[in-house]
Amino acid sequence: MSRKVIKMIGNGLKPIEELVPILIRNLSEELVLKSIRQYDDCKVGLVVMEKLYLRTGSYVNLTVLLVETSKIQTAQIIGSGGGNGVFNLSWGTNSNFAESARSVLEEYGFTEQKGS
């Protein structure tokens, strides 16, 4: 299965409990799971969405993991699935889904971590 992984660092402009609903609203695809948890000084937000791409006739999954402590804010975006046929070609659908989440987070001060 092909996938696109994007790692980002935030500047704390918006807390996780505000970012999760923003992601869901802006991506406007089928929500599979939304979870926000607090562990001591660490907040964790998890968003899982899926989208049917008609051009491939398959579903693409988007998972966004947001982690926030008093010192750092990070995001991992994983677009996966979307492939079909013998060679499981996704035609870039998983990458497109991941990039759409990256664009939303960039609007709120996140920058991509290249090469990590």
N, C-alpha and C. Protein backbone atom coordinates (compact mmCIF):
# COMPACT_ATOMS: atom_id res chain seq x y z
N MET A 1 0.85 -1.17 0.00
CA MET A 1 0.00 0.00 0.00
C MET A 1 0.90 1.24 0.00
N SER A 2 0.57 2.20 -0.84
CA SER A 2 1.36 3.42 -0.89
C SER A 2 0.87 4.40 0.18
N ARG A 3 1.76 5.32 0.54
CA ARG A 3 1.40 6.29 1.57
C ARG A 3 2.23 7.55 1.39
N LYS A 4 1.75 8.62 1.99
CA LYS A 4 2.45 9.90 2.04
C LYS A 4 2.48 10.32 3.49
N VAL A 5 3.68 10.57 4.02
CA VAL A 5 3.84 10.98 5.41
C VAL A 5 4.45 12.39 5.44
N ILE A 6 3.82 13.27 6.19
CA ILE A 6 4.31 14.65 6.33
C ILE A 6 4.45 14.92 7.83
N LYS A 7 5.64 15.40 8.23
CA LYS A 7 5.88 15.76 9.63
C LYS A 7 6.01 17.28 9.71
N MET A 8 5.35 17.85 10.72
CA MET A 8 5.33 19.30 10.86
C MET A 8 5.58 19.73 12.30
N ILE A 9 6.04 20.97 12.44
CA ILE A 9 6.24 21.61 13.74
C ILE A 9 5.33 22.83 13.79
N GLY A 10 4.64 23.00 14.91
CA GLY A 10 3.75 24.15 15.07
C GLY A 10 4.38 25.23 15.93
N ASN A 11 3.78 26.40 15.89
CA ASN A 11 4.28 27.52 16.70
C ASN A 11 3.36 27.83 17.88
N GLY A 12 2.37 26.98 18.11
CA GLY A 12 1.47 27.18 19.24
C GLY A 12 0.42 28.25 19.02
N LEU A 13 0.24 28.69 17.77
CA LEU A 13 -0.75 29.73 17.46
C LEU A 13 -2.15 29.32 17.90
N LYS A 14 -2.49 28.05 17.69
CA LYS A 14 -3.79 27.51 18.12
C LYS A 14 -3.54 26.23 18.90
N PRO A 15 -4.23 26.03 20.02
CA PRO A 15 -4.09 24.78 20.76
C PRO A 15 -4.77 23.63 20.01
N ILE A 16 -4.39 22.42 20.34
CA ILE A 16 -4.92 21.22 19.67
C ILE A 16 -6.44 21.16 19.72
N GLU A 17 -7.03 21.51 20.85
CA GLU A 17 -8.49 21.41 20.95
C GLU A 17 -9.21 22.36 19.99
N GLU A 18 -8.51 23.37 19.47
CA GLU A 18 -9.08 24.23 18.43
C GLU A 18 -8.70 23.75 17.04
N LEU A 19 -7.51 23.17 16.90
CA LEU A 19 -7.04 22.69 15.59
C LEU A 19 -7.83 21.50 15.07
N VAL A 20 -8.20 20.59 15.96
CA VAL A 20 -8.93 19.38 15.52
C VAL A 20 -10.23 19.75 14.81
N PRO A 21 -11.11 20.58 15.39
CA PRO A 21 -12.33 20.95 14.67
C PRO A 21 -12.06 21.74 13.38
N ILE A 22 -11.00 22.54 13.37
CA ILE A 22 -10.64 23.28 12.16
C ILE A 22 -10.28 22.32 11.04
N LEU A 23 -9.47 21.31 11.35
CA LEU A 23 -9.12 20.29 10.34
C LEU A 23 -10.36 19.61 9.80
N ILE A 24 -11.22 19.18 10.69
CA ILE A 24 -12.43 18.45 10.29
C ILE A 24 -13.32 19.32 9.40
N ARG A 25 -13.49 20.56 9.78
CA ARG A 25 -14.34 21.48 9.01
C ARG A 25 -13.74 21.78 7.63
N ASN A 26 -12.43 22.02 7.58
CA ASN A 26 -11.79 22.39 6.32
C ASN A 26 -11.63 21.23 5.35
N LEU A 27 -11.45 20.03 5.87
CA LEU A 27 -11.27 18.87 4.99
C LEU A 27 -12.61 18.30 4.55
N SER A 28 -13.62 18.48 5.33
CA SER A 28 -15.01 18.11 5.03
C SER A 28 -15.18 16.76 4.34
N GLU A 29 -14.48 15.77 4.80
CA GLU A 29 -14.66 14.40 4.31
C GLU A 29 -15.27 13.57 5.43
N GLU A 30 -15.49 12.29 5.16
CA GLU A 30 -16.14 11.45 6.16
C GLU A 30 -15.22 11.24 7.37
N LEU A 31 -15.71 11.64 8.53
CA LEU A 31 -14.95 11.50 9.76
C LEU A 31 -15.11 10.09 10.30
N VAL A 32 -13.98 9.42 10.51
CA VAL A 32 -13.98 8.07 11.07
C VAL A 32 -13.77 8.14 12.58
N LEU A 33 -12.84 9.00 13.02
CA LEU A 33 -12.51 9.10 14.44
C LEU A 33 -11.97 10.49 14.77
N LYS A 34 -12.40 11.01 15.90
CA LYS A 34 -11.86 12.26 16.44
C LYS A 34 -11.61 12.00 17.92
N SER A 35 -10.39 12.28 18.37
CA SER A 35 -10.07 12.06 19.78
C SER A 35 -9.10 13.14 20.24
N ILE A 36 -9.37 13.69 21.41
CA ILE A 36 -8.45 14.64 22.05
C ILE A 36 -8.26 14.16 23.48
N ARG A 37 -7.01 13.96 23.86
CA ARG A 37 -6.70 13.45 25.20
C ARG A 37 -5.65 14.34 25.87
N GLN A 38 -5.71 14.40 27.18
CA GLN A 38 -4.74 15.14 27.98
C GLN A 38 -4.00 14.15 28.88
N TYR A 39 -2.67 14.16 28.83
CA TYR A 39 -1.83 13.31 29.67
C TYR A 39 -0.80 14.21 30.35
N ASP A 40 -1.00 14.51 31.61
CA ASP A 40 -0.13 15.45 32.34
C ASP A 40 0.00 16.75 31.53
N ASP A 41 1.22 17.10 31.09
CA ASP A 41 1.36 18.36 30.33
C ASP A 41 1.34 18.11 28.81
N CYS A 42 0.87 16.96 28.39
CA CYS A 42 0.85 16.60 26.97
C CYS A 42 -0.59 16.42 26.48
N LYS A 43 -0.93 17.14 25.40
CA LYS A 43 -2.23 16.96 24.75
C LYS A 43 -2.01 16.21 23.44
N VAL A 44 -2.90 15.29 23.15
CA VAL A 44 -2.81 14.50 21.92
C VAL A 44 -4.15 14.58 21.20
N GLY A 45 -4.10 14.92 19.93
CA GLY A 45 -5.30 14.93 19.10
C GLY A 45 -5.12 13.97 17.94
N LEU A 46 -6.15 13.19 17.67
CA LEU A 46 -6.10 12.21 16.58
C LEU A 46 -7.34 12.40 15.72
N VAL A 47 -7.13 12.56 14.42
CA VAL A 47 -8.22 12.70 13.46
C VAL A 47 -8.00 11.66 12.37
N VAL A 48 -9.03 10.86 12.10
CA VAL A 48 -8.98 9.87 11.02
C VAL A 48 -10.17 10.14 10.11
N MET A 49 -9.87 10.30 8.83
CA MET A 49 -10.92 10.58 7.84
C MET A 49 -10.73 9.66 6.65
N GLU A 50 -11.80 9.50 5.86
CA GLU A 50 -11.67 8.75 4.63
C GLU A 50 -12.45 9.45 3.53
N LYS A 51 -12.03 9.15 2.31
CA LYS A 51 -12.62 9.80 1.15
C LYS A 51 -12.65 8.80 0.00
N LEU A 52 -13.75 8.77 -0.72
CA LEU A 52 -13.86 7.92 -1.90
C LEU A 52 -13.40 8.71 -3.11
N TYR A 53 -12.40 8.19 -3.81
CA TYR A 53 -11.94 8.79 -5.06
C TYR A 53 -12.53 8.00 -6.21
N LEU A 54 -13.38 8.63 -6.97
CA LEU A 54 -14.03 7.94 -8.08
C LEU A 54 -13.05 7.54 -9.17
N ARG A 55 -12.01 8.35 -9.39
CA ARG A 55 -11.07 8.02 -10.47
C ARG A 55 -10.31 6.72 -10.22
N THR A 56 -10.14 6.35 -8.94
CA THR A 56 -9.49 5.06 -8.65
C THR A 56 -10.49 4.03 -8.16
N GLY A 57 -11.69 4.47 -7.82
CA GLY A 57 -12.70 3.55 -7.32
C GLY A 57 -12.35 2.96 -5.97
N SER A 58 -11.59 3.71 -5.17
CA SER A 58 -11.19 3.18 -3.86
C SER A 58 -11.17 4.30 -2.82
N TYR A 59 -11.10 3.88 -1.57
CA TYR A 59 -11.06 4.82 -0.47
C TYR A 59 -9.63 5.19 -0.12
N VAL A 60 -9.45 6.44 0.29
CA VAL A 60 -8.18 6.95 0.78
C VAL A 60 -8.38 7.31 2.24
N ASN A 61 -7.38 7.00 3.05
CA ASN A 61 -7.44 7.27 4.48
C ASN A 61 -6.50 8.41 4.83
N LEU A 62 -6.93 9.27 5.73
CA LEU A 62 -6.07 10.34 6.24
C LEU A 62 -6.05 10.23 7.76
N THR A 63 -4.84 10.16 8.31
CA THR A 63 -4.66 10.14 9.76
C THR A 63 -3.78 11.33 10.13
N VAL A 64 -4.25 12.14 11.06
CA VAL A 64 -3.47 13.28 11.54
C VAL A 64 -3.31 13.13 13.05
N LEU A 65 -2.06 13.07 13.49
CA LEU A 65 -1.73 12.97 14.91
C LEU A 65 -1.09 14.29 15.34
N LEU A 66 -1.74 14.97 16.26
CA LEU A 66 -1.25 16.24 16.80
C LEU A 66 -0.80 16.03 18.24
N VAL A 67 0.39 16.51 18.58
CA VAL A 67 0.92 16.38 19.94
C VAL A 67 1.38 17.76 20.39
N GLU A 68 1.01 18.11 21.62
CA GLU A 68 1.35 19.43 22.15
C GLU A 68 1.79 19.31 23.60
N THR A 69 2.96 19.86 23.88
CA THR A 69 3.42 20.00 25.26
C THR A 69 3.63 21.48 25.52
N SER A 70 4.11 21.81 26.70
CA SER A 70 4.37 23.22 27.00
C SER A 70 5.52 23.77 26.15
N LYS A 71 6.32 22.88 25.55
CA LYS A 71 7.50 23.31 24.80
C LYS A 71 7.40 23.13 23.29
N ILE A 72 6.56 22.22 22.82
CA ILE A 72 6.55 21.91 21.39
C ILE A 72 5.17 21.47 20.92
N GLN A 73 4.92 21.70 19.66
CA GLN A 73 3.67 21.28 19.02
C GLN A 73 4.08 20.59 17.71
N THR A 74 3.63 19.35 17.51
CA THR A 74 3.98 18.62 16.29
C THR A 74 2.74 18.02 15.64
N ALA A 75 2.89 17.70 14.37
CA ALA A 75 1.83 17.03 13.62
C ALA A 75 2.46 15.99 12.71
N GLN A 76 1.84 14.83 12.64
CA GLN A 76 2.20 13.82 11.65
C GLN A 76 0.95 13.56 10.83
N ILE A 77 1.09 13.67 9.53
CA ILE A 77 -0.02 13.49 8.60
C ILE A 77 0.30 12.28 7.75
N ILE A 78 -0.62 11.32 7.70
CA ILE A 78 -0.41 10.11 6.90
C ILE A 78 -1.60 9.94 5.97
N GLY A 79 -1.33 10.00 4.69
CA GLY A 79 -2.34 9.68 3.67
C GLY A 79 -2.03 8.30 3.15
N SER A 80 -2.98 7.39 3.18
CA SER A 80 -2.71 6.01 2.75
C SER A 80 -3.90 5.44 2.00
N GLY A 81 -3.65 4.31 1.35
CA GLY A 81 -4.71 3.65 0.59
C GLY A 81 -4.87 4.28 -0.77
N GLY A 82 -6.02 4.09 -1.35
CA GLY A 82 -6.33 4.70 -2.64
C GLY A 82 -5.88 3.91 -3.84
N GLY A 83 -5.15 2.84 -3.62
CA GLY A 83 -4.66 2.06 -4.75
C GLY A 83 -5.67 1.03 -5.22
N ASN A 84 -5.54 0.67 -6.48
CA ASN A 84 -6.39 -0.41 -7.00
C ASN A 84 -5.66 -1.13 -8.11
N GLY A 85 -6.20 -2.24 -8.51
CA GLY A 85 -5.60 -3.02 -9.58
C GLY A 85 -4.47 -3.89 -9.10
N VAL A 86 -3.89 -4.62 -10.03
CA VAL A 86 -2.81 -5.56 -9.72
C VAL A 86 -1.61 -4.86 -9.10
N PHE A 87 -1.30 -3.66 -9.59
CA PHE A 87 -0.13 -2.94 -9.10
C PHE A 87 -0.44 -1.96 -7.98
N ASN A 88 -1.69 -1.94 -7.51
CA ASN A 88 -2.11 -1.09 -6.40
C ASN A 88 -1.76 0.38 -6.63
N LEU A 89 -2.00 0.88 -7.83
CA LEU A 89 -1.69 2.27 -8.16
C LEU A 89 -2.70 3.22 -7.51
N SER A 90 -2.19 4.23 -6.82
CA SER A 90 -3.08 5.19 -6.16
C SER A 90 -3.26 6.46 -6.98
N TRP A 91 -2.44 6.66 -8.00
CA TRP A 91 -2.50 7.86 -8.84
C TRP A 91 -2.40 9.14 -8.01
N GLY A 92 -1.69 9.07 -6.89
CA GLY A 92 -1.45 10.25 -6.07
C GLY A 92 -2.58 10.68 -5.16
N THR A 93 -3.62 9.86 -5.06
CA THR A 93 -4.77 10.27 -4.25
C THR A 93 -4.41 10.39 -2.77
N ASN A 94 -3.59 9.47 -2.26
CA ASN A 94 -3.20 9.54 -0.85
C ASN A 94 -2.34 10.77 -0.58
N SER A 95 -1.49 11.10 -1.53
CA SER A 95 -0.65 12.29 -1.40
C SER A 95 -1.50 13.56 -1.43
N ASN A 96 -2.49 13.61 -2.30
CA ASN A 96 -3.38 14.78 -2.38
C ASN A 96 -4.11 15.01 -1.06
N PHE A 97 -4.60 13.93 -0.47
CA PHE A 97 -5.34 14.02 0.79
C PHE A 97 -4.42 14.54 1.90
N ALA A 98 -3.19 14.01 1.97
CA ALA A 98 -2.23 14.45 2.97
C ALA A 98 -1.85 15.92 2.76
N GLU A 99 -1.66 16.31 1.52
CA GLU A 99 -1.30 17.70 1.21
C GLU A 99 -2.41 18.68 1.60
N SER A 100 -3.66 18.25 1.49
CA SER A 100 -4.76 19.14 1.88
C SER A 100 -4.72 19.41 3.39
N ALA A 101 -4.37 18.40 4.18
CA ALA A 101 -4.24 18.60 5.63
C ALA A 101 -3.03 19.48 5.94
N ARG A 102 -1.93 19.28 5.20
CA ARG A 102 -0.74 20.12 5.39
C ARG A 102 -1.09 21.59 5.16
N SER A 103 -1.84 21.86 4.11
CA SER A 103 -2.22 23.24 3.78
C SER A 103 -3.03 23.89 4.90
N VAL A 104 -3.94 23.13 5.48
CA VAL A 104 -4.75 23.66 6.59
C VAL A 104 -3.85 24.01 7.77
N LEU A 105 -2.95 23.10 8.13
CA LEU A 105 -2.08 23.34 9.29
C LEU A 105 -1.11 24.49 9.04
N GLU A 106 -0.67 24.66 7.80
CA GLU A 106 0.23 25.78 7.49
C GLU A 106 -0.46 27.13 7.74
N GLU A 107 -1.75 27.18 7.52
CA GLU A 107 -2.50 28.42 7.79
C GLU A 107 -2.46 28.79 9.27
N TYR A 108 -2.18 27.82 10.12
CA TYR A 108 -2.15 28.05 11.57
C TYR A 108 -0.75 27.93 12.14
N GLY A 109 0.26 28.23 11.33
CA GLY A 109 1.62 28.36 11.82
C GLY A 109 2.49 27.12 11.80
N PHE A 110 2.01 26.02 11.24
CA PHE A 110 2.84 24.81 11.16
C PHE A 110 3.75 24.90 9.95
N THR A 111 4.96 24.35 10.10
CA THR A 111 5.90 24.26 8.98
C THR A 111 6.36 22.82 8.85
N GLU A 112 6.59 22.41 7.62
CA GLU A 112 6.99 21.03 7.37
C GLU A 112 8.43 20.80 7.79
N GLN A 113 8.69 19.63 8.39
CA GLN A 113 10.04 19.21 8.75
C GLN A 113 10.56 18.40 7.58
N LYS A 114 11.46 18.94 6.82
CA LYS A 114 12.01 18.22 5.67
C LYS A 114 13.05 17.20 6.14
N GLY A 115 13.05 16.05 5.48
CA GLY A 115 14.07 15.03 5.72
C GLY A 115 14.00 14.32 7.05
N SER A 116 12.86 14.35 7.72
CA SER A 116 12.79 13.64 9.01
C SER A 116 11.82 12.50 8.94
